All heavy atoms as atom14 arrays in JSON, in Angstrom:
{
  "sequence": "FRTGRSCIAAAARHGGEEIVVGFDLADFFPGIAFSRVH",
  "atom14_mask": [
    [1, 1, 1, 1, 1, 1, 1, 1, 1, 1, 1, 0, 0, 0],
    [1, 1, 1, 1, 1, 1, 1, 1, 1, 1, 1, 0, 0, 0],
    [1, 1, 1, 1, 1, 1, 1, 0, 0, 0, 0, 0, 0, 0],
    [1, 1, 1, 1, 0, 0, 0, 0, 0, 0, 0, 0, 0, 0],
    [1, 1, 1, 1, 1, 1, 1, 1, 1, 1, 1, 0, 0, 0],
    [1, 1, 1, 1, 1, 1, 0, 0, 0, 0, 0, 0, 0, 0],
    [1, 1, 1, 1, 1, 1, 0, 0, 0, 0, 0, 0, 0, 0],
    [1, 1, 1, 1, 1, 1, 1, 1, 0, 0, 0, 0, 0, 0],
    [1, 1, 1, 1, 1, 0, 0, 0, 0, 0, 0, 0, 0, 0],
    [1, 1, 1, 1, 1, 0, 0, 0, 0, 0, 0, 0, 0, 0],
    [1, 1, 1, 1, 1, 0, 0, 0, 0, 0, 0, 0, 0, 0],
    [1, 1, 1, 1, 1, 0, 0, 0, 0, 0, 0, 0, 0, 0],
    [1, 1, 1, 1, 1, 1, 1, 1, 1, 1, 1, 0, 0, 0],
    [1, 1, 1, 1, 1, 1, 1, 1, 1, 1, 0, 0, 0, 0],
    [1, 1, 1, 1, 0, 0, 0, 0, 0, 0, 0, 0, 0, 0],
    [1, 1, 1, 1, 0, 0, 0, 0, 0, 0, 0, 0, 0, 0],
    [1, 1, 1, 1, 1, 1, 1, 1, 1, 0, 0, 0, 0, 0],
    [1, 1, 1, 1, 1, 1, 1, 1, 1, 0, 0, 0, 0, 0],
    [1, 1, 1, 1, 1, 1, 1, 1, 0, 0, 0, 0, 0, 0],
    [1, 1, 1, 1, 1, 1, 1, 0, 0, 0, 0, 0, 0, 0],
    [1, 1, 1, 1, 1, 1, 1, 0, 0, 0, 0, 0, 0, 0],
    [1, 1, 1, 1, 0, 0, 0, 0, 0, 0, 0, 0, 0, 0],
    [1, 1, 1, 1, 1, 1, 1, 1, 1, 1, 1, 0, 0, 0],
    [1, 1, 1, 1, 1, 1, 1, 1, 0, 0, 0, 0, 0, 0],
    [1, 1, 1, 1, 1, 1, 1, 1, 0, 0, 0, 0, 0, 0],
    [1, 1, 1, 1, 1, 0, 0, 0, 0, 0, 0, 0, 0, 0],
    [1, 1, 1, 1, 1, 1, 1, 1, 0, 0, 0, 0, 0, 0],
    [1, 1, 1, 1, 1, 1, 1, 1, 1, 1, 1, 0, 0, 0],
    [1, 1, 1, 1, 1, 1, 1, 1, 1, 1, 1, 0, 0, 0],
    [1, 1, 1, 1, 1, 1, 1, 0, 0, 0, 0, 0, 0, 0],
    [1, 1, 1, 1, 0, 0, 0, 0, 0, 0, 0, 0, 0, 0],
    [1, 1, 1, 1, 1, 1, 1, 1, 0, 0, 0, 0, 0, 0],
    [1, 1, 1, 1, 1, 0, 0, 0, 0, 0, 0, 0, 0, 0],
    [1, 1, 1, 1, 1, 1, 1, 1, 1, 1, 1, 0, 0, 0],
    [1, 1, 1, 1, 1, 1, 0, 0, 0, 0, 0, 0, 0, 0],
    [1, 1, 1, 1, 1, 1, 1, 1, 1, 1, 1, 0, 0, 0],
    [1, 1, 1, 1, 1, 1, 1, 0, 0, 0, 0, 0, 0, 0],
    [1, 1, 1, 1, 1, 1, 1, 1, 1, 1, 0, 0, 0, 0]
  ],
  "atom14_positions": [
    [[103.94, 95.35, 102.18], [104.99, 96.29, 102.43], [104.48, 97.6, 103.09], [104.98, 98.64, 102.85], [105.62, 96.65, 101.05], [105.83, 95.52, 100.13], [105.27, 95.63, 98.9], [106.6, 94.41, 100.58], [105.56, 94.51, 98.03], [106.76, 93.36, 99.61], [106.27, 93.44, 98.31], [0.0, 0.0, 0.0], [0.0, 0.0, 0.0], [0.0, 0.0, 0.0]],
    [[103.49, 97.47, 104.13], [102.98, 98.6, 104.79], [103.0, 98.43, 106.21], [102.51, 97.28, 106.71], [101.54, 98.99, 104.28], [101.4, 99.31, 102.88], [100.07, 99.76, 102.41], [99.69, 100.97, 103.09], [98.53, 101.57, 102.99], [97.58, 101.07, 102.08], [98.27, 102.73, 103.63], [0.0, 0.0, 0.0], [0.0, 0.0, 0.0], [0.0, 0.0, 0.0]],
    [[103.42, 99.29, 107.0], [103.62, 99.22, 108.38], [102.11, 99.01, 108.98], [101.2, 99.87, 108.58], [104.26, 100.4, 109.09], [105.51, 100.57, 108.49], [104.3, 100.32, 110.56], [0.0, 0.0, 0.0], [0.0, 0.0, 0.0], [0.0, 0.0, 0.0], [0.0, 0.0, 0.0], [0.0, 0.0, 0.0], [0.0, 0.0, 0.0], [0.0, 0.0, 0.0]],
    [[101.91, 98.18, 109.91], [100.53, 97.94, 110.49], [99.74, 97.0, 109.74], [98.66, 96.81, 110.19], [0.0, 0.0, 0.0], [0.0, 0.0, 0.0], [0.0, 0.0, 0.0], [0.0, 0.0, 0.0], [0.0, 0.0, 0.0], [0.0, 0.0, 0.0], [0.0, 0.0, 0.0], [0.0, 0.0, 0.0], [0.0, 0.0, 0.0], [0.0, 0.0, 0.0]],
    [[100.15, 96.64, 108.58], [99.29, 95.64, 107.76], [100.03, 94.36, 107.56], [101.32, 94.35, 107.54], [98.98, 96.27, 106.33], [98.01, 97.5, 106.57], [97.38, 97.95, 105.25], [96.46, 99.04, 105.42], [95.52, 99.27, 104.43], [95.6, 98.76, 103.23], [94.72, 100.29, 104.7], [0.0, 0.0, 0.0], [0.0, 0.0, 0.0], [0.0, 0.0, 0.0]],
    [[99.33, 93.29, 107.29], [99.96, 92.05, 107.11], [99.21, 91.2, 106.14], [98.01, 91.5, 105.8], [100.08, 91.25, 108.49], [98.73, 90.92, 108.89], [0.0, 0.0, 0.0], [0.0, 0.0, 0.0], [0.0, 0.0, 0.0], [0.0, 0.0, 0.0], [0.0, 0.0, 0.0], [0.0, 0.0, 0.0], [0.0, 0.0, 0.0], [0.0, 0.0, 0.0]],
    [[99.78, 89.98, 105.71], [99.06, 89.18, 104.79], [97.91, 88.46, 105.54], [96.93, 88.06, 104.93], [100.02, 88.11, 104.27], [100.79, 86.97, 105.48], [0.0, 0.0, 0.0], [0.0, 0.0, 0.0], [0.0, 0.0, 0.0], [0.0, 0.0, 0.0], [0.0, 0.0, 0.0], [0.0, 0.0, 0.0], [0.0, 0.0, 0.0], [0.0, 0.0, 0.0]],
    [[98.04, 88.36, 106.88], [96.95, 87.75, 107.63], [95.7, 88.67, 107.56], [94.62, 88.2, 107.37], [97.4, 87.47, 109.12], [98.55, 86.57, 109.11], [96.2, 87.01, 109.88], [99.1, 86.44, 110.54], [0.0, 0.0, 0.0], [0.0, 0.0, 0.0], [0.0, 0.0, 0.0], [0.0, 0.0, 0.0], [0.0, 0.0, 0.0], [0.0, 0.0, 0.0]],
    [[95.97, 90.03, 107.86], [94.81, 90.92, 107.73], [94.31, 91.02, 106.35], [93.0, 91.19, 106.2], [95.34, 92.28, 108.28], [0.0, 0.0, 0.0], [0.0, 0.0, 0.0], [0.0, 0.0, 0.0], [0.0, 0.0, 0.0], [0.0, 0.0, 0.0], [0.0, 0.0, 0.0], [0.0, 0.0, 0.0], [0.0, 0.0, 0.0], [0.0, 0.0, 0.0]],
    [[95.14, 91.02, 105.35], [94.64, 91.01, 103.91], [93.76, 89.83, 103.67], [92.68, 89.88, 103.03], [95.83, 91.04, 103.03], [0.0, 0.0, 0.0], [0.0, 0.0, 0.0], [0.0, 0.0, 0.0], [0.0, 0.0, 0.0], [0.0, 0.0, 0.0], [0.0, 0.0, 0.0], [0.0, 0.0, 0.0], [0.0, 0.0, 0.0], [0.0, 0.0, 0.0]],
    [[94.17, 88.67, 104.13], [93.4, 87.46, 103.84], [92.07, 87.51, 104.62], [91.02, 86.98, 104.16], [94.2, 86.17, 104.3], [0.0, 0.0, 0.0], [0.0, 0.0, 0.0], [0.0, 0.0, 0.0], [0.0, 0.0, 0.0], [0.0, 0.0, 0.0], [0.0, 0.0, 0.0], [0.0, 0.0, 0.0], [0.0, 0.0, 0.0], [0.0, 0.0, 0.0]],
    [[92.04, 88.09, 105.84], [90.85, 88.1, 106.66], [89.67, 88.84, 105.97], [88.51, 88.55, 106.24], [91.15, 88.63, 108.08], [0.0, 0.0, 0.0], [0.0, 0.0, 0.0], [0.0, 0.0, 0.0], [0.0, 0.0, 0.0], [0.0, 0.0, 0.0], [0.0, 0.0, 0.0], [0.0, 0.0, 0.0], [0.0, 0.0, 0.0], [0.0, 0.0, 0.0]],
    [[90.08, 89.79, 105.09], [88.99, 90.56, 104.4], [88.22, 89.71, 103.36], [87.23, 90.26, 102.87], [89.69, 91.72, 103.65], [90.34, 92.69, 104.59], [90.92, 93.85, 103.78], [90.06, 94.66, 103.06], [89.45, 95.81, 103.57], [89.67, 96.06, 104.86], [88.57, 96.48, 102.83], [0.0, 0.0, 0.0], [0.0, 0.0, 0.0], [0.0, 0.0, 0.0]],
    [[88.69, 88.47, 103.12], [87.92, 87.62, 102.22], [87.38, 86.36, 102.77], [86.98, 85.42, 102.14], [88.93, 87.21, 101.13], [89.53, 88.44, 100.3], [88.85, 89.07, 99.39], [90.77, 89.02, 100.45], [89.63, 90.12, 98.91], [90.83, 90.0, 99.62], [0.0, 0.0, 0.0], [0.0, 0.0, 0.0], [0.0, 0.0, 0.0], [0.0, 0.0, 0.0]],
    [[87.36, 86.34, 104.14], [86.81, 85.14, 104.86], [85.35, 84.98, 104.72], [84.51, 86.02, 104.74], [0.0, 0.0, 0.0], [0.0, 0.0, 0.0], [0.0, 0.0, 0.0], [0.0, 0.0, 0.0], [0.0, 0.0, 0.0], [0.0, 0.0, 0.0], [0.0, 0.0, 0.0], [0.0, 0.0, 0.0], [0.0, 0.0, 0.0], [0.0, 0.0, 0.0]],
    [[84.92, 83.75, 104.61], [83.53, 83.4, 104.54], [82.74, 83.87, 103.36], [81.45, 83.89, 103.34], [0.0, 0.0, 0.0], [0.0, 0.0, 0.0], [0.0, 0.0, 0.0], [0.0, 0.0, 0.0], [0.0, 0.0, 0.0], [0.0, 0.0, 0.0], [0.0, 0.0, 0.0], [0.0, 0.0, 0.0], [0.0, 0.0, 0.0], [0.0, 0.0, 0.0]],
    [[83.47, 84.19, 102.26], [82.7, 84.66, 101.02], [82.32, 83.49, 100.2], [82.9, 82.37, 100.2], [83.57, 85.6, 100.28], [83.83, 86.96, 100.96], [82.58, 87.91, 100.97], [81.61, 87.47, 100.37], [82.8, 88.88, 101.68], [0.0, 0.0, 0.0], [0.0, 0.0, 0.0], [0.0, 0.0, 0.0], [0.0, 0.0, 0.0], [0.0, 0.0, 0.0]],
    [[81.32, 83.73, 99.27], [80.85, 82.64, 98.36], [81.86, 82.19, 97.39], [82.03, 81.05, 97.09], [79.54, 83.14, 97.71], [78.84, 82.15, 96.87], [77.59, 82.58, 96.24], [76.91, 83.33, 96.88], [77.18, 82.11, 95.13], [0.0, 0.0, 0.0], [0.0, 0.0, 0.0], [0.0, 0.0, 0.0], [0.0, 0.0, 0.0], [0.0, 0.0, 0.0]],
    [[82.66, 83.17, 96.92], [83.68, 82.82, 95.88], [84.86, 83.71, 96.1], [84.73, 84.91, 96.45], [83.14, 82.93, 94.48], [84.04, 82.17, 93.51], [82.84, 84.4, 94.02], [83.42, 82.03, 92.11], [0.0, 0.0, 0.0], [0.0, 0.0, 0.0], [0.0, 0.0, 0.0], [0.0, 0.0, 0.0], [0.0, 0.0, 0.0], [0.0, 0.0, 0.0]],
    [[86.04, 83.17, 95.87], [87.31, 83.94, 95.93], [87.97, 83.84, 94.49], [88.17, 82.69, 93.98], [88.24, 83.51, 96.93], [89.58, 84.15, 96.86], [87.6, 83.72, 98.37], [0.0, 0.0, 0.0], [0.0, 0.0, 0.0], [0.0, 0.0, 0.0], [0.0, 0.0, 0.0], [0.0, 0.0, 0.0], [0.0, 0.0, 0.0], [0.0, 0.0, 0.0]],
    [[88.33, 84.98, 93.87], [88.99, 85.02, 92.55], [90.31, 85.67, 92.67], [90.34, 86.83, 93.24], [88.14, 85.77, 91.53], [88.78, 85.59, 90.16], [86.7, 85.24, 91.5], [0.0, 0.0, 0.0], [0.0, 0.0, 0.0], [0.0, 0.0, 0.0], [0.0, 0.0, 0.0], [0.0, 0.0, 0.0], [0.0, 0.0, 0.0], [0.0, 0.0, 0.0]],
    [[91.38, 85.01, 92.3], [92.65, 85.56, 92.47], [93.4, 85.63, 91.2], [93.31, 84.79, 90.29], [0.0, 0.0, 0.0], [0.0, 0.0, 0.0], [0.0, 0.0, 0.0], [0.0, 0.0, 0.0], [0.0, 0.0, 0.0], [0.0, 0.0, 0.0], [0.0, 0.0, 0.0], [0.0, 0.0, 0.0], [0.0, 0.0, 0.0], [0.0, 0.0, 0.0]],
    [[94.22, 86.74, 90.98], [95.1, 86.95, 89.83], [96.55, 87.21, 90.25], [96.77, 87.73, 91.44], [94.63, 88.17, 88.97], [93.22, 87.94, 88.46], [92.16, 88.44, 89.34], [92.95, 87.39, 87.25], [90.85, 88.29, 88.87], [91.61, 87.31, 86.79], [90.59, 87.76, 87.65], [0.0, 0.0, 0.0], [0.0, 0.0, 0.0], [0.0, 0.0, 0.0]],
    [[97.53, 87.01, 89.49], [98.89, 87.22, 89.84], [99.59, 88.11, 88.74], [99.51, 87.81, 87.58], [99.65, 85.87, 89.93], [101.07, 86.08, 90.45], [101.28, 86.17, 91.77], [101.95, 86.18, 89.62], [0.0, 0.0, 0.0], [0.0, 0.0, 0.0], [0.0, 0.0, 0.0], [0.0, 0.0, 0.0], [0.0, 0.0, 0.0], [0.0, 0.0, 0.0]],
    [[100.25, 89.18, 89.24], [100.94, 90.05, 88.35], [102.35, 89.43, 88.09], [103.03, 89.01, 88.98], [101.21, 91.49, 88.91], [99.93, 92.25, 89.15], [100.26, 93.51, 89.98], [99.18, 92.54, 88.04], [0.0, 0.0, 0.0], [0.0, 0.0, 0.0], [0.0, 0.0, 0.0], [0.0, 0.0, 0.0], [0.0, 0.0, 0.0], [0.0, 0.0, 0.0]],
    [[102.7, 89.33, 86.76], [103.91, 88.77, 86.26], [105.07, 89.72, 86.48], [104.87, 90.89, 86.08], [103.79, 88.19, 84.92], [0.0, 0.0, 0.0], [0.0, 0.0, 0.0], [0.0, 0.0, 0.0], [0.0, 0.0, 0.0], [0.0, 0.0, 0.0], [0.0, 0.0, 0.0], [0.0, 0.0, 0.0], [0.0, 0.0, 0.0], [0.0, 0.0, 0.0]],
    [[106.19, 89.3, 86.94], [107.43, 90.08, 86.9], [107.2, 91.41, 87.58], [107.47, 92.51, 87.0], [107.99, 90.28, 85.53], [108.21, 88.99, 84.85], [108.59, 87.95, 85.53], [108.03, 88.94, 83.65], [0.0, 0.0, 0.0], [0.0, 0.0, 0.0], [0.0, 0.0, 0.0], [0.0, 0.0, 0.0], [0.0, 0.0, 0.0], [0.0, 0.0, 0.0]],
    [[106.58, 91.46, 88.8], [106.17, 92.61, 89.42], [107.18, 93.69, 89.66], [107.02, 94.84, 89.18], [105.5, 92.35, 90.79], [104.84, 93.5, 91.5], [103.95, 94.25, 90.8], [105.1, 93.77, 92.89], [103.25, 95.32, 91.54], [104.53, 94.74, 93.46], [103.65, 95.6, 92.79], [0.0, 0.0, 0.0], [0.0, 0.0, 0.0], [0.0, 0.0, 0.0]],
    [[108.29, 93.36, 90.2], [109.42, 94.36, 90.43], [110.15, 94.62, 89.1], [110.3, 95.8, 88.7], [110.34, 93.87, 91.57], [109.8, 93.95, 92.87], [109.3, 92.92, 93.63], [109.78, 95.27, 93.58], [108.75, 93.08, 94.84], [109.16, 95.4, 94.8], [108.61, 94.22, 95.54], [0.0, 0.0, 0.0], [0.0, 0.0, 0.0], [0.0, 0.0, 0.0]],
    [[110.71, 93.62, 88.48], [111.5, 93.95, 87.29], [110.64, 94.57, 86.13], [111.23, 95.31, 85.35], [112.1, 92.57, 86.88], [111.3, 91.55, 87.51], [110.78, 92.23, 88.85], [0.0, 0.0, 0.0], [0.0, 0.0, 0.0], [0.0, 0.0, 0.0], [0.0, 0.0, 0.0], [0.0, 0.0, 0.0], [0.0, 0.0, 0.0], [0.0, 0.0, 0.0]],
    [[109.4, 94.31, 86.07], [108.57, 94.89, 85.15], [108.29, 96.42, 85.32], [107.64, 97.0, 84.41], [0.0, 0.0, 0.0], [0.0, 0.0, 0.0], [0.0, 0.0, 0.0], [0.0, 0.0, 0.0], [0.0, 0.0, 0.0], [0.0, 0.0, 0.0], [0.0, 0.0, 0.0], [0.0, 0.0, 0.0], [0.0, 0.0, 0.0], [0.0, 0.0, 0.0]],
    [[108.66, 97.03, 86.44], [108.52, 98.44, 86.6], [109.78, 99.19, 86.22], [110.85, 99.03, 86.83], [108.25, 98.7, 88.06], [106.91, 98.03, 88.5], [108.16, 100.26, 88.3], [106.59, 98.08, 89.95], [0.0, 0.0, 0.0], [0.0, 0.0, 0.0], [0.0, 0.0, 0.0], [0.0, 0.0, 0.0], [0.0, 0.0, 0.0], [0.0, 0.0, 0.0]],
    [[109.73, 99.78, 85.0], [110.92, 100.39, 84.4], [111.31, 101.68, 84.98], [110.66, 102.35, 85.73], [110.56, 100.59, 82.88], [0.0, 0.0, 0.0], [0.0, 0.0, 0.0], [0.0, 0.0, 0.0], [0.0, 0.0, 0.0], [0.0, 0.0, 0.0], [0.0, 0.0, 0.0], [0.0, 0.0, 0.0], [0.0, 0.0, 0.0], [0.0, 0.0, 0.0]],
    [[112.54, 102.1, 84.66], [113.05, 103.39, 85.1], [112.15, 104.49, 84.77], [111.92, 105.53, 85.57], [114.44, 103.61, 84.46], [115.0, 104.97, 84.64], [115.82, 105.22, 85.78], [114.79, 106.04, 83.75], [116.26, 106.47, 85.94], [115.26, 107.28, 83.95], [116.09, 107.54, 85.01], [0.0, 0.0, 0.0], [0.0, 0.0, 0.0], [0.0, 0.0, 0.0]],
    [[111.5, 104.62, 83.52], [110.74, 105.65, 83.14], [109.48, 105.84, 84.08], [109.09, 106.88, 84.46], [110.19, 105.45, 81.71], [109.54, 104.26, 81.56], [0.0, 0.0, 0.0], [0.0, 0.0, 0.0], [0.0, 0.0, 0.0], [0.0, 0.0, 0.0], [0.0, 0.0, 0.0], [0.0, 0.0, 0.0], [0.0, 0.0, 0.0], [0.0, 0.0, 0.0]],
    [[108.93, 104.66, 84.59], [107.83, 104.76, 85.54], [108.27, 105.29, 86.87], [107.6, 106.1, 87.49], [107.17, 103.4, 85.69], [105.96, 103.5, 86.65], [105.23, 102.16, 86.67], [104.56, 101.89, 85.36], [103.54, 100.98, 85.27], [103.22, 100.18, 86.27], [102.92, 100.81, 84.12], [0.0, 0.0, 0.0], [0.0, 0.0, 0.0], [0.0, 0.0, 0.0]],
    [[109.48, 104.84, 87.32], [110.02, 105.31, 88.55], [110.25, 106.87, 88.44], [109.91, 107.68, 89.4], [111.32, 104.6, 88.95], [111.85, 105.16, 90.27], [111.03, 103.12, 89.01], [0.0, 0.0, 0.0], [0.0, 0.0, 0.0], [0.0, 0.0, 0.0], [0.0, 0.0, 0.0], [0.0, 0.0, 0.0], [0.0, 0.0, 0.0], [0.0, 0.0, 0.0]],
    [[110.79, 107.3, 87.35], [111.13, 108.76, 87.11], [109.73, 109.53, 87.17], [109.72, 110.65, 87.79], [111.8, 108.97, 85.74], [112.02, 110.37, 85.46], [111.19, 111.2, 84.64], [113.07, 111.18, 85.73], [111.61, 112.38, 84.51], [112.87, 112.46, 85.09], [0.0, 0.0, 0.0], [0.0, 0.0, 0.0], [0.0, 0.0, 0.0], [0.0, 0.0, 0.0]]
  ]
}
């Protein structure tokens, strides 16, 4: 969600490495409550 950046460029930062470890945030948008936005 940033101008000038892409998922391709993000992926390229991990190319050719010995190991790749990934995690996924659950309910990313709905999990951010009004209080945090405030």
